[in-house]
Amino acid sequence: MARYLFSDFPLGNPIGRPYDVEMQRSITGYALDLFESAIMPRTTVQVPIRWSDDPSWKDSYARVVPEELEKLKAMGAERRRRQRRAGN
C-alpha cells in the first residue's frame, strides 16, 4: 500500500539535518508509525517538525548567483569526468 511521509526540508535531507540524530530518529519514528497505521492507499502525513523556525532558508536554498555560475559549471564538469573515469 502506498504511503507518503512529507517533510518540508531541503532536497537530499528527507529525515532531517545532517548529524542531528535526534531529529532523524524522530522522523524515522513517524515513518514507521505511518507504515504501521496507514489503512488506505496514498495515505499522506506531514511531519510536524520544521527545518528551521526561519522560513527564509527556502529563498536561498540551491540558489545560483550569477557570480558563481562558471565555478559551478566547472565543478559539475569535473564531477562528470571523475564519474566517467570510475566507470559510473
N, C-alpha and C. Protein backbone atom coordinates (compact mmCIF):
# COMPACT_ATOMS: atom_id res chain seq x y z
N MET A 1 0.85 -1.16 0.00
CA MET A 1 0.00 0.00 0.00
C MET A 1 0.90 1.24 0.00
N ALA A 2 0.60 2.17 -0.86
CA ALA A 2 1.41 3.38 -0.96
C ALA A 2 1.17 4.30 0.23
N ARG A 3 2.26 4.81 0.79
CA ARG A 3 2.20 5.77 1.89
C ARG A 3 3.23 6.84 1.61
N TYR A 4 2.99 8.03 2.16
CA TYR A 4 3.93 9.12 1.91
C TYR A 4 4.06 9.96 3.17
N LEU A 5 5.28 10.08 3.65
CA LEU A 5 5.58 10.95 4.78
C LEU A 5 6.28 12.18 4.22
N PHE A 6 5.65 13.33 4.32
CA PHE A 6 6.19 14.56 3.74
C PHE A 6 6.95 15.35 4.78
N SER A 7 8.16 15.73 4.43
CA SER A 7 8.95 16.65 5.26
C SER A 7 9.33 17.81 4.36
N ASP A 8 9.02 19.00 4.81
CA ASP A 8 9.32 20.20 4.02
C ASP A 8 10.76 20.63 4.29
N PHE A 9 11.67 19.79 3.85
CA PHE A 9 13.10 20.00 4.08
C PHE A 9 13.81 20.15 2.73
N PRO A 10 15.03 20.66 2.75
CA PRO A 10 15.80 20.76 1.50
C PRO A 10 16.01 19.38 0.88
N LEU A 11 16.04 19.34 -0.44
CA LEU A 11 16.28 18.08 -1.14
C LEU A 11 17.56 17.43 -0.63
N GLY A 12 17.51 16.13 -0.50
CA GLY A 12 18.67 15.40 -0.01
C GLY A 12 18.70 15.24 1.50
N ASN A 13 17.72 15.82 2.18
CA ASN A 13 17.67 15.75 3.64
C ASN A 13 16.29 15.29 4.12
N PRO A 14 15.78 14.18 3.60
CA PRO A 14 14.39 13.82 3.90
C PRO A 14 14.11 13.47 5.36
N ILE A 15 15.14 13.06 6.10
CA ILE A 15 14.87 12.73 7.50
C ILE A 15 15.54 13.68 8.48
N GLY A 16 15.95 14.85 8.01
CA GLY A 16 16.45 15.86 8.93
C GLY A 16 17.84 16.38 8.61
N ARG A 17 18.27 17.28 9.49
CA ARG A 17 19.58 17.91 9.31
C ARG A 17 20.70 16.90 9.46
N PRO A 18 21.76 17.06 8.68
CA PRO A 18 22.92 16.18 8.85
C PRO A 18 23.43 16.24 10.29
N TYR A 19 23.73 15.09 10.84
CA TYR A 19 24.30 14.92 12.18
C TYR A 19 23.32 15.23 13.31
N ASP A 20 22.06 15.56 12.99
CA ASP A 20 21.06 15.79 14.03
C ASP A 20 20.34 14.47 14.28
N VAL A 21 20.97 13.61 15.05
CA VAL A 21 20.48 12.24 15.26
C VAL A 21 19.10 12.25 15.90
N GLU A 22 18.86 13.14 16.83
CA GLU A 22 17.56 13.20 17.50
C GLU A 22 16.45 13.49 16.48
N MET A 23 16.65 14.47 15.62
CA MET A 23 15.67 14.80 14.59
C MET A 23 15.47 13.61 13.64
N GLN A 24 16.56 13.00 13.22
CA GLN A 24 16.47 11.88 12.29
C GLN A 24 15.74 10.70 12.90
N ARG A 25 15.99 10.41 14.15
CA ARG A 25 15.28 9.30 14.82
C ARG A 25 13.80 9.61 14.95
N SER A 26 13.48 10.84 15.26
CA SER A 26 12.09 11.23 15.40
C SER A 26 11.34 11.06 14.08
N ILE A 27 11.93 11.53 13.01
CA ILE A 27 11.27 11.44 11.70
C ILE A 27 11.19 9.99 11.24
N THR A 28 12.20 9.20 11.52
CA THR A 28 12.15 7.78 11.20
C THR A 28 11.02 7.12 11.98
N GLY A 29 10.81 7.54 13.21
CA GLY A 29 9.70 7.03 14.01
C GLY A 29 8.35 7.35 13.39
N TYR A 30 8.21 8.59 12.88
CA TYR A 30 6.96 8.96 12.19
C TYR A 30 6.74 8.06 10.97
N ALA A 31 7.81 7.79 10.25
CA ALA A 31 7.70 6.95 9.06
C ALA A 31 7.27 5.53 9.44
N LEU A 32 7.86 4.98 10.48
CA LEU A 32 7.48 3.63 10.91
C LEU A 32 6.05 3.59 11.43
N ASP A 33 5.64 4.65 12.14
CA ASP A 33 4.26 4.72 12.60
C ASP A 33 3.29 4.75 11.42
N LEU A 34 3.64 5.52 10.40
CA LEU A 34 2.79 5.60 9.21
C LEU A 34 2.73 4.26 8.51
N PHE A 35 3.86 3.60 8.40
CA PHE A 35 3.91 2.28 7.78
C PHE A 35 2.96 1.32 8.49
N GLU A 36 2.93 1.42 9.80
CA GLU A 36 2.11 0.51 10.59
C GLU A 36 0.62 0.90 10.60
N SER A 37 0.33 2.20 10.55
CA SER A 37 -1.04 2.65 10.77
C SER A 37 -1.83 3.00 9.52
N ALA A 38 -1.20 3.18 8.39
CA ALA A 38 -1.93 3.57 7.19
C ALA A 38 -2.90 2.46 6.79
N ILE A 39 -4.16 2.84 6.61
CA ILE A 39 -5.17 1.84 6.26
C ILE A 39 -5.73 2.05 4.86
N MET A 40 -5.32 3.14 4.22
CA MET A 40 -5.81 3.42 2.87
C MET A 40 -4.64 3.71 1.95
N PRO A 41 -4.79 3.38 0.66
CA PRO A 41 -3.74 3.76 -0.31
C PRO A 41 -3.57 5.27 -0.33
N ARG A 42 -2.36 5.68 -0.66
CA ARG A 42 -1.99 7.09 -0.80
C ARG A 42 -2.14 7.89 0.49
N THR A 43 -2.04 7.22 1.61
CA THR A 43 -2.08 7.94 2.89
C THR A 43 -0.87 8.86 2.95
N THR A 44 -1.12 10.13 3.25
CA THR A 44 -0.06 11.13 3.30
C THR A 44 -0.09 11.82 4.66
N VAL A 45 1.08 11.93 5.26
CA VAL A 45 1.22 12.60 6.55
C VAL A 45 2.39 13.55 6.45
N GLN A 46 2.25 14.74 7.03
CA GLN A 46 3.36 15.69 7.07
C GLN A 46 3.97 15.66 8.47
N VAL A 47 5.29 15.57 8.53
CA VAL A 47 5.94 15.57 9.84
C VAL A 47 5.74 16.94 10.49
N PRO A 48 5.54 16.95 11.81
CA PRO A 48 5.31 18.23 12.50
C PRO A 48 6.61 18.90 12.93
N ILE A 49 7.68 18.63 12.20
CA ILE A 49 8.99 19.18 12.54
C ILE A 49 9.41 20.14 11.44
N ARG A 50 9.95 21.27 11.83
CA ARG A 50 10.40 22.27 10.85
C ARG A 50 11.91 22.18 10.69
N TRP A 51 12.35 22.46 9.47
CA TRP A 51 13.79 22.54 9.20
C TRP A 51 14.38 23.69 10.00
N SER A 52 13.65 24.79 10.03
CA SER A 52 14.10 25.98 10.74
C SER A 52 12.88 26.80 11.11
N ASP A 53 12.95 27.54 12.20
CA ASP A 53 11.86 28.45 12.55
C ASP A 53 11.83 29.65 11.62
N ASP A 54 12.92 29.87 10.92
CA ASP A 54 13.01 30.98 9.96
C ASP A 54 12.81 30.43 8.55
N PRO A 55 11.65 30.70 7.92
CA PRO A 55 11.37 30.13 6.60
C PRO A 55 12.21 30.71 5.47
N SER A 56 13.07 31.68 5.75
CA SER A 56 13.86 32.29 4.68
C SER A 56 14.87 31.33 4.07
N TRP A 57 15.12 30.17 4.71
CA TRP A 57 16.05 29.20 4.12
C TRP A 57 15.58 28.78 2.74
N LYS A 58 14.26 28.80 2.53
CA LYS A 58 13.71 28.38 1.23
C LYS A 58 14.09 29.36 0.12
N ASP A 59 14.25 30.62 0.48
CA ASP A 59 14.59 31.64 -0.52
C ASP A 59 16.00 31.48 -1.05
N SER A 60 16.91 30.99 -0.22
CA SER A 60 18.30 30.92 -0.64
C SER A 60 18.78 29.50 -0.93
N TYR A 61 17.98 28.49 -0.59
CA TYR A 61 18.41 27.11 -0.80
C TYR A 61 18.59 26.82 -2.29
N ALA A 62 19.76 26.33 -2.64
CA ALA A 62 20.11 25.95 -4.01
C ALA A 62 20.03 27.09 -5.01
N ARG A 63 20.06 28.31 -4.53
CA ARG A 63 20.04 29.47 -5.42
C ARG A 63 21.42 29.66 -6.03
N VAL A 64 21.45 29.87 -7.31
CA VAL A 64 22.71 30.10 -8.00
C VAL A 64 22.80 31.59 -8.32
N VAL A 65 23.84 32.21 -7.80
CA VAL A 65 24.05 33.62 -8.11
C VAL A 65 24.94 33.71 -9.34
N PRO A 66 24.71 34.69 -10.19
CA PRO A 66 25.46 34.78 -11.45
C PRO A 66 26.98 34.74 -11.26
N GLU A 67 27.50 35.30 -10.17
CA GLU A 67 28.94 35.34 -9.95
C GLU A 67 29.53 33.93 -9.77
N GLU A 68 28.71 32.97 -9.39
CA GLU A 68 29.21 31.62 -9.12
C GLU A 68 28.90 30.63 -10.24
N LEU A 69 28.21 31.06 -11.29
CA LEU A 69 27.76 30.16 -12.33
C LEU A 69 28.92 29.42 -13.00
N GLU A 70 29.95 30.11 -13.40
CA GLU A 70 31.08 29.47 -14.08
C GLU A 70 31.79 28.48 -13.15
N LYS A 71 31.95 28.86 -11.89
CA LYS A 71 32.57 27.97 -10.91
C LYS A 71 31.75 26.69 -10.77
N LEU A 72 30.43 26.81 -10.69
CA LEU A 72 29.57 25.63 -10.56
C LEU A 72 29.61 24.76 -11.81
N LYS A 73 29.66 25.39 -12.98
CA LYS A 73 29.76 24.61 -14.23
C LYS A 73 31.06 23.81 -14.26
N ALA A 74 32.15 24.43 -13.82
CA ALA A 74 33.44 23.74 -13.80
C ALA A 74 33.43 22.59 -12.79
N MET A 75 32.81 22.80 -11.65
CA MET A 75 32.72 21.74 -10.65
C MET A 75 31.89 20.57 -11.18
N GLY A 76 30.81 20.87 -11.89
CA GLY A 76 29.98 19.82 -12.47
C GLY A 76 30.74 19.04 -13.53
N ALA A 77 31.48 19.75 -14.37
CA ALA A 77 32.26 19.08 -15.41
C ALA A 77 33.32 18.17 -14.78
N GLU A 78 33.96 18.62 -13.73
CA GLU A 78 34.96 17.80 -13.05
C GLU A 78 34.32 16.57 -12.42
N ARG A 79 33.17 16.74 -11.81
CA ARG A 79 32.47 15.60 -11.21
C ARG A 79 32.10 14.56 -12.28
N ARG A 80 31.64 15.02 -13.43
CA ARG A 80 31.30 14.09 -14.52
C ARG A 80 32.55 13.37 -15.03
N ARG A 81 33.69 14.07 -15.10
CA ARG A 81 34.95 13.43 -15.51
C ARG A 81 35.34 12.32 -14.53
N ARG A 82 35.24 12.62 -13.24
CA ARG A 82 35.57 11.61 -12.23
C ARG A 82 34.64 10.41 -12.32
N GLN A 83 33.38 10.67 -12.57
CA GLN A 83 32.42 9.57 -12.69
C GLN A 83 32.73 8.70 -13.91
N ARG A 84 33.09 9.33 -15.01
CA ARG A 84 33.44 8.55 -16.22
C ARG A 84 34.67 7.70 -15.97
N ARG A 85 35.68 8.27 -15.31
CA ARG A 85 36.89 7.52 -15.00
C ARG A 85 36.59 6.35 -14.07
N ALA A 86 35.63 6.54 -13.17
CA ALA A 86 35.29 5.48 -12.22
C ALA A 86 34.35 4.44 -12.85
N GLY A 87 33.89 4.71 -14.06
CA GLY A 87 33.02 3.76 -14.75
C GLY A 87 31.56 3.88 -14.36
N ASN A 88 31.16 5.00 -13.80
CA ASN A 88 29.76 5.18 -13.40
C ASN A 88 28.95 5.84 -14.48
